[in-house]
């Protein structure tokens, strides 16, 4: 089954590029149908356009969280997507949105949850180094109304070197994130990711 994907993002979309590359190499049976951003100048939109993917900007200013999310849902529902990926999406989703797409929204977090949950982007890597962690990594999880608390799909660890900087750690973790996304998309397309009593089983 060709998995139809929507991507929500606010930043560069580096992880999305890895997914696009895998799809174009026929390594994944998937298609990104639409990319939506709340930032008009987010490079993730440009990445989408370069690959012929519909790219939509929706302004969140002056709207309630749910009203903005309902606008996104209107666009997503036109595409009949199977899965929604959050890739650098710098917004918390409303309870309504999480319920509307229950068990269909996936987020990548740049740490091994529950460590450093709730943090975002470079701030997480700064905190990891400040605390002297020897291991960090990323967590792919389903999204619920409780931030970073949804069922974990998979995790990948990375070692933290003595001379690590937030920037070098981010690069390492992003590579792990890309591996997680690609592996999970493959499993989703094969129907091998199932939820059982709130826990994910990979068949």
N, C-alpha and C. Protein backbone atom coordinates (compact mmCIF):
# COMPACT_ATOMS: atom_id res chain seq x y z
N UNK A 1 0.84 -1.20 0.00
CA UNK A 1 0.00 0.00 0.00
C UNK A 1 0.88 1.25 0.00
N UNK A 2 0.61 2.14 -0.96
CA UNK A 2 1.34 3.41 -0.98
C UNK A 2 0.81 4.30 0.13
N UNK A 3 1.66 4.60 1.09
CA UNK A 3 1.27 5.40 2.25
C UNK A 3 1.21 6.87 1.85
N UNK A 4 0.05 7.50 2.08
CA UNK A 4 -0.10 8.93 1.75
C UNK A 4 0.17 9.75 3.02
N UNK A 5 1.08 10.70 2.88
CA UNK A 5 1.60 11.42 4.04
C UNK A 5 1.35 12.92 3.91
N UNK A 6 0.99 13.55 5.03
CA UNK A 6 1.01 15.01 5.15
C UNK A 6 2.13 15.37 6.12
N UNK A 7 2.81 16.47 5.85
CA UNK A 7 3.90 16.92 6.73
C UNK A 7 3.56 18.32 7.24
N UNK A 8 3.70 18.50 8.55
CA UNK A 8 3.57 19.83 9.16
C UNK A 8 4.95 20.24 9.64
N UNK A 9 5.38 21.45 9.26
CA UNK A 9 6.71 21.90 9.66
C UNK A 9 6.82 23.41 9.71
N UNK A 10 7.75 23.88 10.54
CA UNK A 10 7.96 25.32 10.69
C UNK A 10 9.39 25.74 10.36
N UNK A 11 10.26 24.77 10.04
CA UNK A 11 11.68 25.10 9.90
C UNK A 11 12.21 24.63 8.53
N UNK A 12 13.39 24.05 8.51
CA UNK A 12 14.06 23.74 7.24
C UNK A 12 13.58 22.45 6.59
N UNK A 13 13.09 21.53 7.38
CA UNK A 13 12.62 20.27 6.82
C UNK A 13 13.73 19.33 6.39
N UNK A 14 14.84 19.35 7.12
CA UNK A 14 15.98 18.48 6.77
C UNK A 14 15.58 17.01 6.80
N UNK A 15 14.84 16.60 7.81
CA UNK A 15 14.41 15.20 7.89
C UNK A 15 13.48 14.84 6.72
N UNK A 16 12.66 15.80 6.30
CA UNK A 16 11.75 15.53 5.18
C UNK A 16 12.53 15.25 3.90
N UNK A 17 13.66 15.95 3.72
CA UNK A 17 14.46 15.73 2.52
C UNK A 17 14.93 14.28 2.43
N UNK A 18 15.33 13.72 3.58
CA UNK A 18 15.76 12.33 3.60
C UNK A 18 14.61 11.40 3.20
N UNK A 19 13.40 11.72 3.63
CA UNK A 19 12.23 10.92 3.27
C UNK A 19 11.96 11.04 1.76
N UNK A 20 12.00 12.27 1.25
CA UNK A 20 11.79 12.49 -0.19
C UNK A 20 12.81 11.71 -1.00
N UNK A 21 14.08 11.77 -0.58
CA UNK A 21 15.13 11.07 -1.31
C UNK A 21 14.87 9.57 -1.34
N UNK A 22 14.43 9.01 -0.21
CA UNK A 22 14.13 7.58 -0.16
C UNK A 22 12.96 7.21 -1.06
N UNK A 23 11.94 8.06 -1.08
CA UNK A 23 10.78 7.82 -1.95
C UNK A 23 11.21 7.86 -3.42
N UNK A 24 12.04 8.86 -3.77
CA UNK A 24 12.46 9.01 -5.17
C UNK A 24 13.39 7.89 -5.61
N UNK A 25 14.07 7.25 -4.66
CA UNK A 25 14.90 6.08 -4.99
C UNK A 25 14.08 4.78 -5.01
N UNK A 26 12.77 4.93 -4.76
CA UNK A 26 11.87 3.76 -4.67
C UNK A 26 12.22 2.85 -3.50
N UNK A 27 12.82 3.43 -2.47
CA UNK A 27 13.11 2.67 -1.26
C UNK A 27 11.90 2.63 -0.32
N UNK A 28 10.96 3.54 -0.53
CA UNK A 28 9.75 3.60 0.31
C UNK A 28 8.53 3.61 -0.58
N UNK A 29 7.51 2.85 -0.18
CA UNK A 29 6.23 2.86 -0.88
C UNK A 29 5.35 3.91 -0.21
N UNK A 30 5.65 5.17 -0.51
CA UNK A 30 4.96 6.28 0.15
C UNK A 30 4.94 7.50 -0.77
N UNK A 31 4.05 8.42 -0.45
CA UNK A 31 3.99 9.68 -1.19
C UNK A 31 3.65 10.80 -0.23
N UNK A 32 4.41 11.89 -0.27
CA UNK A 32 4.06 13.07 0.51
C UNK A 32 3.07 13.87 -0.33
N UNK A 33 1.83 13.97 0.17
CA UNK A 33 0.76 14.61 -0.58
C UNK A 33 0.72 16.11 -0.38
N UNK A 34 1.07 16.56 0.81
CA UNK A 34 1.00 18.00 1.12
C UNK A 34 1.94 18.33 2.26
N UNK A 35 2.49 19.55 2.20
CA UNK A 35 3.30 20.09 3.30
C UNK A 35 2.66 21.40 3.73
N UNK A 36 2.42 21.53 5.03
CA UNK A 36 1.77 22.73 5.57
C UNK A 36 2.69 23.37 6.60
N UNK A 37 2.82 24.70 6.52
CA UNK A 37 3.64 25.43 7.50
C UNK A 37 2.90 26.66 8.01
N UNK A 38 3.19 27.00 9.26
CA UNK A 38 2.68 28.24 9.84
C UNK A 38 3.67 29.39 9.65
N UNK A 39 4.77 29.13 8.95
CA UNK A 39 5.79 30.14 8.67
C UNK A 39 5.93 30.30 7.16
N UNK A 40 5.62 31.47 6.66
CA UNK A 40 5.59 31.69 5.21
C UNK A 40 6.95 31.47 4.57
N UNK A 41 8.03 31.79 5.31
CA UNK A 41 9.38 31.68 4.75
C UNK A 41 10.10 30.40 5.18
N UNK A 42 9.37 29.44 5.74
CA UNK A 42 10.00 28.19 6.18
C UNK A 42 10.53 27.44 4.96
N UNK A 43 11.77 27.00 5.03
CA UNK A 43 12.39 26.36 3.88
C UNK A 43 11.74 25.01 3.55
N UNK A 44 11.04 24.44 4.51
CA UNK A 44 10.35 23.18 4.26
C UNK A 44 9.35 23.33 3.11
N UNK A 45 8.75 24.52 2.97
CA UNK A 45 7.81 24.77 1.87
C UNK A 45 8.55 24.79 0.54
N UNK A 46 9.72 25.40 0.52
CA UNK A 46 10.53 25.45 -0.71
C UNK A 46 10.98 24.04 -1.10
N UNK A 47 11.38 23.25 -0.11
CA UNK A 47 11.76 21.85 -0.40
C UNK A 47 10.60 21.13 -1.09
N UNK A 48 9.40 21.32 -0.56
CA UNK A 48 8.22 20.66 -1.13
C UNK A 48 8.02 21.08 -2.58
N UNK A 49 8.07 22.39 -2.83
CA UNK A 49 7.83 22.89 -4.19
C UNK A 49 8.86 22.34 -5.17
N UNK A 50 10.10 22.22 -4.73
CA UNK A 50 11.16 21.72 -5.60
C UNK A 50 10.88 20.29 -6.07
N UNK A 51 10.09 19.57 -5.28
CA UNK A 51 9.81 18.17 -5.61
C UNK A 51 8.36 17.97 -6.06
N UNK A 52 7.70 19.05 -6.43
CA UNK A 52 6.35 18.96 -6.96
C UNK A 52 5.29 18.58 -5.94
N UNK A 53 5.59 18.86 -4.67
CA UNK A 53 4.63 18.55 -3.59
C UNK A 53 3.86 19.82 -3.25
N UNK A 54 2.57 19.70 -3.06
CA UNK A 54 1.76 20.86 -2.72
C UNK A 54 2.25 21.46 -1.40
N UNK A 55 2.51 22.76 -1.41
CA UNK A 55 3.04 23.45 -0.23
C UNK A 55 2.07 24.56 0.16
N UNK A 56 1.61 24.53 1.39
CA UNK A 56 0.58 25.47 1.84
C UNK A 56 1.05 26.21 3.09
N UNK A 57 0.94 27.52 3.04
CA UNK A 57 1.21 28.36 4.22
C UNK A 57 -0.13 28.77 4.83
N UNK A 58 -0.27 28.58 6.12
CA UNK A 58 -1.46 29.02 6.86
C UNK A 58 -0.99 29.89 8.02
N UNK A 59 -1.41 31.12 8.04
CA UNK A 59 -1.02 32.07 9.09
C UNK A 59 -1.77 31.72 10.39
N UNK A 60 -1.01 31.60 11.49
CA UNK A 60 -1.66 31.27 12.76
C UNK A 60 -1.98 32.51 13.60
N UNK A 61 -1.49 33.65 13.17
CA UNK A 61 -1.65 34.87 13.98
C UNK A 61 -3.12 35.27 14.11
N UNK A 62 -3.50 35.60 15.34
CA UNK A 62 -4.86 36.07 15.61
C UNK A 62 -5.91 34.98 15.64
N UNK A 63 -5.48 33.71 15.62
CA UNK A 63 -6.43 32.61 15.62
C UNK A 63 -6.25 31.79 16.88
N UNK A 64 -7.33 31.18 17.34
CA UNK A 64 -7.19 30.24 18.44
C UNK A 64 -6.44 29.01 17.93
N UNK A 65 -5.90 28.25 18.84
CA UNK A 65 -5.17 27.04 18.45
C UNK A 65 -6.08 26.10 17.64
N UNK A 66 -7.31 25.92 18.13
CA UNK A 66 -8.22 25.00 17.44
C UNK A 66 -8.64 25.53 16.08
N UNK A 67 -8.89 26.83 15.96
CA UNK A 67 -9.29 27.39 14.66
C UNK A 67 -8.19 27.19 13.63
N UNK A 68 -6.95 27.43 14.04
CA UNK A 68 -5.83 27.22 13.12
C UNK A 68 -5.74 25.74 12.73
N UNK A 69 -5.87 24.86 13.71
CA UNK A 69 -5.78 23.43 13.45
C UNK A 69 -6.90 22.97 12.52
N UNK A 70 -8.09 23.55 12.66
CA UNK A 70 -9.20 23.17 11.77
C UNK A 70 -8.92 23.61 10.33
N UNK A 71 -8.23 24.74 10.17
CA UNK A 71 -7.84 25.18 8.82
C UNK A 71 -6.86 24.18 8.21
N UNK A 72 -5.91 23.72 9.02
CA UNK A 72 -4.97 22.71 8.52
C UNK A 72 -5.72 21.44 8.14
N UNK A 73 -6.66 21.04 9.00
CA UNK A 73 -7.40 19.80 8.76
C UNK A 73 -8.19 19.85 7.46
N UNK A 74 -8.72 21.02 7.11
CA UNK A 74 -9.45 21.16 5.85
C UNK A 74 -8.56 20.78 4.67
N UNK A 75 -7.31 21.24 4.71
CA UNK A 75 -6.37 20.93 3.63
C UNK A 75 -5.94 19.46 3.66
N UNK A 76 -5.69 18.96 4.86
CA UNK A 76 -5.25 17.56 5.00
C UNK A 76 -6.34 16.61 4.53
N UNK A 77 -7.59 16.90 4.90
CA UNK A 77 -8.68 15.98 4.58
C UNK A 77 -8.98 15.92 3.07
N UNK A 78 -8.58 16.95 2.34
CA UNK A 78 -8.73 16.91 0.88
C UNK A 78 -7.84 15.83 0.27
N UNK A 79 -6.77 15.50 0.97
CA UNK A 79 -5.74 14.60 0.42
C UNK A 79 -5.94 13.14 0.83
N UNK A 80 -6.87 12.89 1.77
CA UNK A 80 -7.12 11.52 2.20
C UNK A 80 -5.83 10.83 2.65
N UNK A 81 -5.09 11.49 3.55
CA UNK A 81 -3.78 10.96 3.96
C UNK A 81 -3.93 9.88 5.03
N UNK A 82 -2.91 9.03 5.08
CA UNK A 82 -2.89 7.95 6.07
C UNK A 82 -2.13 8.35 7.33
N UNK A 83 -1.14 9.24 7.17
CA UNK A 83 -0.24 9.56 8.27
C UNK A 83 0.15 11.03 8.20
N UNK A 84 0.26 11.65 9.38
CA UNK A 84 0.72 13.04 9.47
C UNK A 84 2.03 13.07 10.24
N UNK A 85 3.06 13.62 9.61
CA UNK A 85 4.37 13.71 10.26
C UNK A 85 4.62 15.14 10.72
N UNK A 86 5.05 15.30 11.95
CA UNK A 86 5.50 16.61 12.45
C UNK A 86 7.01 16.65 12.31
N UNK A 87 7.49 17.57 11.48
CA UNK A 87 8.93 17.69 11.24
C UNK A 87 9.33 19.14 11.53
N UNK A 88 9.83 19.38 12.74
CA UNK A 88 10.18 20.75 13.12
C UNK A 88 8.96 21.65 13.18
N UNK A 89 7.83 21.11 13.61
CA UNK A 89 6.61 21.90 13.71
C UNK A 89 6.56 22.54 15.09
N UNK A 90 6.70 23.86 15.13
CA UNK A 90 6.89 24.57 16.39
C UNK A 90 5.58 25.06 17.00
N UNK A 91 4.60 24.16 16.99
CA UNK A 91 3.33 24.48 17.62
C UNK A 91 2.81 23.26 18.36
N UNK A 92 2.07 23.50 19.43
CA UNK A 92 1.39 22.43 20.14
C UNK A 92 0.01 22.26 19.50
N UNK A 93 -0.35 21.04 19.20
CA UNK A 93 -1.62 20.78 18.54
C UNK A 93 -2.78 20.75 19.54
N UNK A 94 -3.94 21.16 19.06
CA UNK A 94 -5.12 21.21 19.93
C UNK A 94 -5.64 19.80 20.22
N UNK A 95 -6.41 19.71 21.29
CA UNK A 95 -7.03 18.43 21.64
C UNK A 95 -7.93 17.96 20.50
N UNK A 96 -8.63 18.92 19.86
CA UNK A 96 -9.51 18.57 18.74
C UNK A 96 -8.73 17.90 17.61
N UNK A 97 -7.60 18.49 17.22
CA UNK A 97 -6.79 17.96 16.11
C UNK A 97 -6.27 16.57 16.45
N UNK A 98 -5.78 16.42 17.68
CA UNK A 98 -5.25 15.12 18.11
C UNK A 98 -6.34 14.05 18.08
N UNK A 99 -7.56 14.43 18.44
CA UNK A 99 -8.66 13.48 18.41
C UNK A 99 -9.11 13.17 16.99
N UNK A 100 -9.13 14.19 16.14
CA UNK A 100 -9.57 14.03 14.75
C UNK A 100 -8.67 13.05 14.00
N UNK A 101 -7.38 13.07 14.33
CA UNK A 101 -6.41 12.19 13.66
C UNK A 101 -5.76 11.22 14.66
N UNK A 102 -6.56 10.69 15.54
CA UNK A 102 -6.04 9.80 16.59
C UNK A 102 -5.25 8.64 15.98
N UNK A 103 -4.06 8.43 16.53
CA UNK A 103 -3.16 7.35 16.10
C UNK A 103 -2.69 7.49 14.65
N UNK A 104 -2.75 8.72 14.13
CA UNK A 104 -2.28 8.96 12.75
C UNK A 104 -1.26 10.09 12.70
N UNK A 105 -0.95 10.71 13.85
CA UNK A 105 0.02 11.80 13.89
C UNK A 105 1.28 11.29 14.58
N UNK A 106 2.42 11.55 13.94
CA UNK A 106 3.70 11.07 14.46
C UNK A 106 4.67 12.25 14.59
N UNK A 107 5.36 12.31 15.71
CA UNK A 107 6.33 13.37 15.96
C UNK A 107 7.70 12.75 16.26
N UNK A 108 8.75 13.49 15.89
CA UNK A 108 10.10 13.08 16.27
C UNK A 108 10.59 14.06 17.33
N UNK A 109 11.13 13.53 18.42
CA UNK A 109 11.63 14.39 19.50
C UNK A 109 13.14 14.16 19.63
N UNK A 110 13.93 15.24 19.78
CA UNK A 110 15.40 15.09 19.75
C UNK A 110 16.03 14.68 21.08
N UNK A 111 15.41 13.73 21.75
CA UNK A 111 16.02 13.13 22.95
C UNK A 111 15.38 11.77 23.16
N UNK A 112 15.91 11.03 24.11
CA UNK A 112 15.33 9.73 24.45
C UNK A 112 14.27 9.95 25.53
N UNK A 113 13.04 10.16 25.10
CA UNK A 113 11.94 10.37 26.04
C UNK A 113 11.87 9.18 27.01
N UNK A 114 11.66 9.41 28.32
CA UNK A 114 11.15 10.64 28.92
C UNK A 114 12.20 11.70 29.25
N UNK A 115 13.46 11.47 28.95
CA UNK A 115 14.47 12.50 29.23
C UNK A 115 14.22 13.72 28.34
N UNK A 116 14.23 14.88 28.94
CA UNK A 116 14.16 16.16 28.24
C UNK A 116 12.90 16.30 27.37
N UNK A 117 11.81 15.68 27.83
CA UNK A 117 10.57 15.86 27.08
C UNK A 117 10.07 17.28 27.29
N UNK A 118 9.35 17.78 26.30
CA UNK A 118 8.81 19.14 26.37
C UNK A 118 9.73 20.19 25.78
N UNK A 119 11.02 19.86 25.59
CA UNK A 119 11.96 20.83 25.02
C UNK A 119 11.88 20.81 23.50
N UNK A 120 12.53 21.82 22.88
CA UNK A 120 12.50 21.91 21.42
C UNK A 120 13.88 22.19 20.86
N UNK A 121 14.19 21.53 19.76
CA UNK A 121 15.32 21.83 18.88
C UNK A 121 16.63 21.96 19.65
N UNK A 122 17.38 23.03 19.38
CA UNK A 122 18.75 23.17 19.88
C UNK A 122 18.78 23.24 21.41
N UNK A 123 17.68 23.73 22.01
CA UNK A 123 17.63 23.84 23.47
C UNK A 123 17.78 22.47 24.15
N UNK A 124 17.23 21.44 23.52
CA UNK A 124 17.35 20.09 24.07
C UNK A 124 18.81 19.66 24.08
N UNK A 125 19.52 19.89 22.96
CA UNK A 125 20.92 19.47 22.85
C UNK A 125 21.81 20.25 23.83
N UNK A 126 21.50 21.51 24.02
CA UNK A 126 22.24 22.32 25.00
C UNK A 126 22.07 21.73 26.40
N UNK A 127 20.86 21.34 26.73
CA UNK A 127 20.57 20.80 28.06
C UNK A 127 21.23 19.43 28.26
N UNK A 128 21.22 18.62 27.21
CA UNK A 128 21.87 17.30 27.27
C UNK A 128 23.35 17.45 27.60
N UNK A 129 24.02 18.39 26.93
CA UNK A 129 25.46 18.61 27.15
C UNK A 129 25.69 19.20 28.54
N UNK A 130 24.86 20.16 28.92
CA UNK A 130 25.01 20.80 30.23
C UNK A 130 24.89 19.79 31.36
N UNK A 131 24.01 18.80 31.19
CA UNK A 131 23.79 17.79 32.24
C UNK A 131 24.85 16.69 32.22
N UNK A 132 25.71 16.70 31.21
CA UNK A 132 26.78 15.71 31.14
C UNK A 132 26.33 14.34 30.69
N UNK A 133 25.23 14.28 29.92
CA UNK A 133 24.74 12.99 29.43
C UNK A 133 25.77 12.35 28.50
N UNK A 134 25.93 11.06 28.61
CA UNK A 134 26.83 10.31 27.72
C UNK A 134 26.09 9.76 26.50
N UNK A 135 24.79 9.65 26.62
CA UNK A 135 23.98 9.12 25.52
C UNK A 135 22.77 10.04 25.32
N UNK A 136 22.50 10.37 24.08
CA UNK A 136 21.26 11.07 23.74
C UNK A 136 20.61 10.29 22.60
N UNK A 137 19.83 10.95 21.79
CA UNK A 137 19.19 10.24 20.69
C UNK A 137 17.89 10.89 20.31
N UNK A 138 16.99 10.10 19.73
CA UNK A 138 15.70 10.65 19.31
C UNK A 138 14.60 9.63 19.60
N UNK A 139 13.39 10.13 19.65
CA UNK A 139 12.21 9.30 19.92
C UNK A 139 11.12 9.63 18.92
N UNK A 140 10.65 8.61 18.22
CA UNK A 140 9.50 8.76 17.33
C UNK A 140 8.28 8.27 18.09
N UNK A 141 7.25 9.11 18.16
CA UNK A 141 6.08 8.72 18.97
C UNK A 141 4.79 9.24 18.36
N UNK A 142 3.70 8.57 18.71
CA UNK A 142 2.38 9.07 18.34
C UNK A 142 2.09 10.34 19.14
N UNK A 143 1.33 11.24 18.53
CA UNK A 143 1.00 12.51 19.17
C UNK A 143 -0.36 12.41 19.84
N UNK A 144 -0.40 12.83 21.10
CA UNK A 144 -1.66 12.97 21.83
C UNK A 144 -1.74 14.39 22.36
N UNK A 145 -2.83 14.72 23.05
CA UNK A 145 -2.96 16.08 23.61
C UNK A 145 -1.93 16.34 24.71
N UNK A 146 -1.33 15.29 25.25
CA UNK A 146 -0.28 15.44 26.25
C UNK A 146 1.08 15.50 25.55
N UNK A 147 1.71 16.65 25.58
CA UNK A 147 2.93 16.89 24.80
C UNK A 147 4.03 15.88 25.14
N UNK A 148 4.54 15.22 24.10
CA UNK A 148 5.65 14.26 24.21
C UNK A 148 5.31 13.05 25.09
N UNK A 149 4.03 12.77 25.28
CA UNK A 149 3.64 11.66 26.15
C UNK A 149 2.93 10.54 25.38
N UNK A 150 2.84 10.66 24.06
CA UNK A 150 2.16 9.64 23.28
C UNK A 150 2.96 8.35 23.20
N UNK A 151 2.33 7.25 22.80
CA UNK A 151 3.02 5.96 22.72
C UNK A 151 4.27 6.03 21.84
N UNK A 152 5.36 5.46 22.34
CA UNK A 152 6.64 5.50 21.64
C UNK A 152 6.66 4.42 20.56
N UNK A 153 7.04 4.83 19.35
CA UNK A 153 7.13 3.91 18.22
C UNK A 153 8.53 3.31 18.15
N UNK A 154 9.55 4.17 18.18
CA UNK A 154 10.92 3.68 18.21
C UNK A 154 11.86 4.77 18.71
N UNK A 155 13.02 4.35 19.18
CA UNK A 155 14.06 5.26 19.65
C UNK A 155 15.40 4.84 19.07
N UNK A 156 16.27 5.82 18.84
CA UNK A 156 17.63 5.53 18.39
C UNK A 156 18.60 6.34 19.24
N UNK A 157 19.57 5.67 19.87
CA UNK A 157 20.55 6.39 20.69
C UNK A 157 21.72 6.90 19.86
N UNK A 158 22.35 7.96 20.34
CA UNK A 158 23.63 8.43 19.80
C UNK A 158 24.54 8.75 20.98
N UNK A 159 25.83 8.53 20.80
CA UNK A 159 26.79 8.82 21.86
C UNK A 159 27.11 10.31 21.88
N UNK A 160 27.32 10.83 23.08
CA UNK A 160 27.70 12.24 23.26
C UNK A 160 29.19 12.29 23.57
N UNK A 161 29.98 12.86 22.67
CA UNK A 161 31.43 12.93 22.84
C UNK A 161 31.83 14.01 23.85
N UNK A 162 33.07 13.91 24.34
CA UNK A 162 33.56 14.88 25.33
C UNK A 162 33.58 16.31 24.78
N UNK A 163 33.87 16.44 23.48
CA UNK A 163 33.98 17.78 22.89
C UNK A 163 32.73 18.18 22.12
N UNK A 164 31.61 17.53 22.45
CA UNK A 164 30.35 17.78 21.73
C UNK A 164 29.88 19.21 21.91
N UNK A 165 29.32 19.78 20.86
CA UNK A 165 28.63 21.07 20.94
C UNK A 165 27.16 20.83 20.60
N UNK A 166 26.28 21.76 20.95
CA UNK A 166 24.87 21.57 20.59
C UNK A 166 24.68 21.35 19.08
N UNK A 167 25.52 22.03 18.29
CA UNK A 167 25.39 21.92 16.84
C UNK A 167 25.83 20.55 16.32
N UNK A 168 26.95 20.04 16.84
CA UNK A 168 27.40 18.72 16.38
C UNK A 168 26.47 17.62 16.86
N UNK A 169 25.93 17.80 18.07
CA UNK A 169 24.98 16.81 18.58
C UNK A 169 23.69 16.84 17.77
N UNK A 170 23.25 18.03 17.39
CA UNK A 170 22.05 18.14 16.56
C UNK A 170 22.24 17.39 15.25
N UNK A 171 23.41 17.52 14.63
CA UNK A 171 23.68 16.82 13.37
C UNK A 171 23.59 15.31 13.55
N UNK A 172 24.18 14.81 14.64
CA UNK A 172 24.14 13.36 14.92
C UNK A 172 22.70 12.89 15.12
N UNK A 173 21.97 13.64 15.94
CA UNK A 173 20.61 13.24 16.28
C UNK A 173 19.72 13.31 15.03
N UNK A 174 19.95 14.31 14.18
CA UNK A 174 19.14 14.41 12.96
C UNK A 174 19.32 13.20 12.05
N UNK A 175 20.54 12.70 11.98
CA UNK A 175 20.77 11.48 11.18
C UNK A 175 19.95 10.31 11.76
N UNK A 176 19.93 10.22 13.08
CA UNK A 176 19.14 9.18 13.73
C UNK A 176 17.65 9.39 13.49
N UNK A 177 17.21 10.66 13.51
CA UNK A 177 15.81 10.98 13.24
C UNK A 177 15.40 10.51 11.85
N UNK A 178 16.27 10.77 10.88
CA UNK A 178 15.97 10.37 9.50
C UNK A 178 15.85 8.86 9.37
N UNK A 179 16.74 8.15 10.06
CA UNK A 179 16.67 6.68 10.04
C UNK A 179 15.35 6.20 10.65
N UNK A 180 14.95 6.83 11.76
CA UNK A 180 13.68 6.47 12.41
C UNK A 180 12.49 6.70 11.49
N UNK A 181 12.44 7.87 10.89
CA UNK A 181 11.32 8.19 10.00
C UNK A 181 11.22 7.18 8.86
N UNK A 182 12.34 6.91 8.22
CA UNK A 182 12.33 6.02 7.05
C UNK A 182 11.94 4.61 7.46
N UNK A 183 12.50 4.14 8.55
CA UNK A 183 12.16 2.79 9.03
C UNK A 183 10.68 2.70 9.40
N UNK A 184 10.19 3.73 10.09
CA UNK A 184 8.78 3.71 10.53
C UNK A 184 7.83 3.82 9.35
N UNK A 185 8.12 4.67 8.39
CA UNK A 185 7.26 4.80 7.21
C UNK A 185 7.18 3.46 6.48
N UNK A 186 8.30 2.79 6.37
CA UNK A 186 8.31 1.48 5.72
C UNK A 186 7.40 0.50 6.49
N UNK A 187 7.51 0.51 7.81
CA UNK A 187 6.70 -0.40 8.64
C UNK A 187 5.21 -0.03 8.56
N UNK A 188 4.91 1.29 8.56
CA UNK A 188 3.51 1.72 8.43
C UNK A 188 2.94 1.25 7.10
N UNK A 189 3.70 1.42 6.03
CA UNK A 189 3.20 1.05 4.69
C UNK A 189 2.98 -0.45 4.59
N UNK A 190 3.70 -1.22 5.40
CA UNK A 190 3.54 -2.68 5.42
C UNK A 190 2.52 -3.15 6.45
N UNK A 191 1.92 -2.17 7.17
CA UNK A 191 0.94 -2.52 8.19
C UNK A 191 1.53 -3.21 9.40
N UNK A 192 2.81 -2.93 9.68
CA UNK A 192 3.51 -3.65 10.74
C UNK A 192 3.65 -2.85 12.04
N UNK A 193 3.00 -1.70 12.13
CA UNK A 193 3.01 -0.93 13.38
C UNK A 193 1.58 -0.92 13.92
N UNK A 194 1.40 -1.51 15.09
CA UNK A 194 0.06 -1.60 15.69
C UNK A 194 0.12 -1.12 17.14
N UNK A 195 -1.01 -0.57 17.58
CA UNK A 195 -1.15 -0.16 18.98
C UNK A 195 -1.93 -1.22 19.73
N UNK A 196 -1.40 -1.60 20.89
CA UNK A 196 -2.04 -2.62 21.72
C UNK A 196 -2.02 -2.13 23.16
N UNK A 197 -3.20 -1.74 23.66
CA UNK A 197 -3.31 -1.23 25.03
C UNK A 197 -2.34 -0.08 25.31
N UNK A 198 -2.26 0.85 24.35
CA UNK A 198 -1.45 2.04 24.55
C UNK A 198 0.03 1.85 24.29
N UNK A 199 0.44 0.64 23.90
CA UNK A 199 1.83 0.40 23.56
C UNK A 199 1.95 0.01 22.10
N UNK A 200 3.05 0.43 21.49
CA UNK A 200 3.28 0.12 20.08
C UNK A 200 3.98 -1.21 19.95
N UNK A 201 3.46 -2.03 19.03
CA UNK A 201 4.12 -3.27 18.67
C UNK A 201 4.55 -3.19 17.21
N UNK A 202 5.81 -3.52 16.94
CA UNK A 202 6.29 -3.55 15.57
C UNK A 202 6.40 -5.02 15.16
N UNK A 203 5.60 -5.40 14.18
CA UNK A 203 5.49 -6.80 13.78
C UNK A 203 6.61 -7.21 12.82
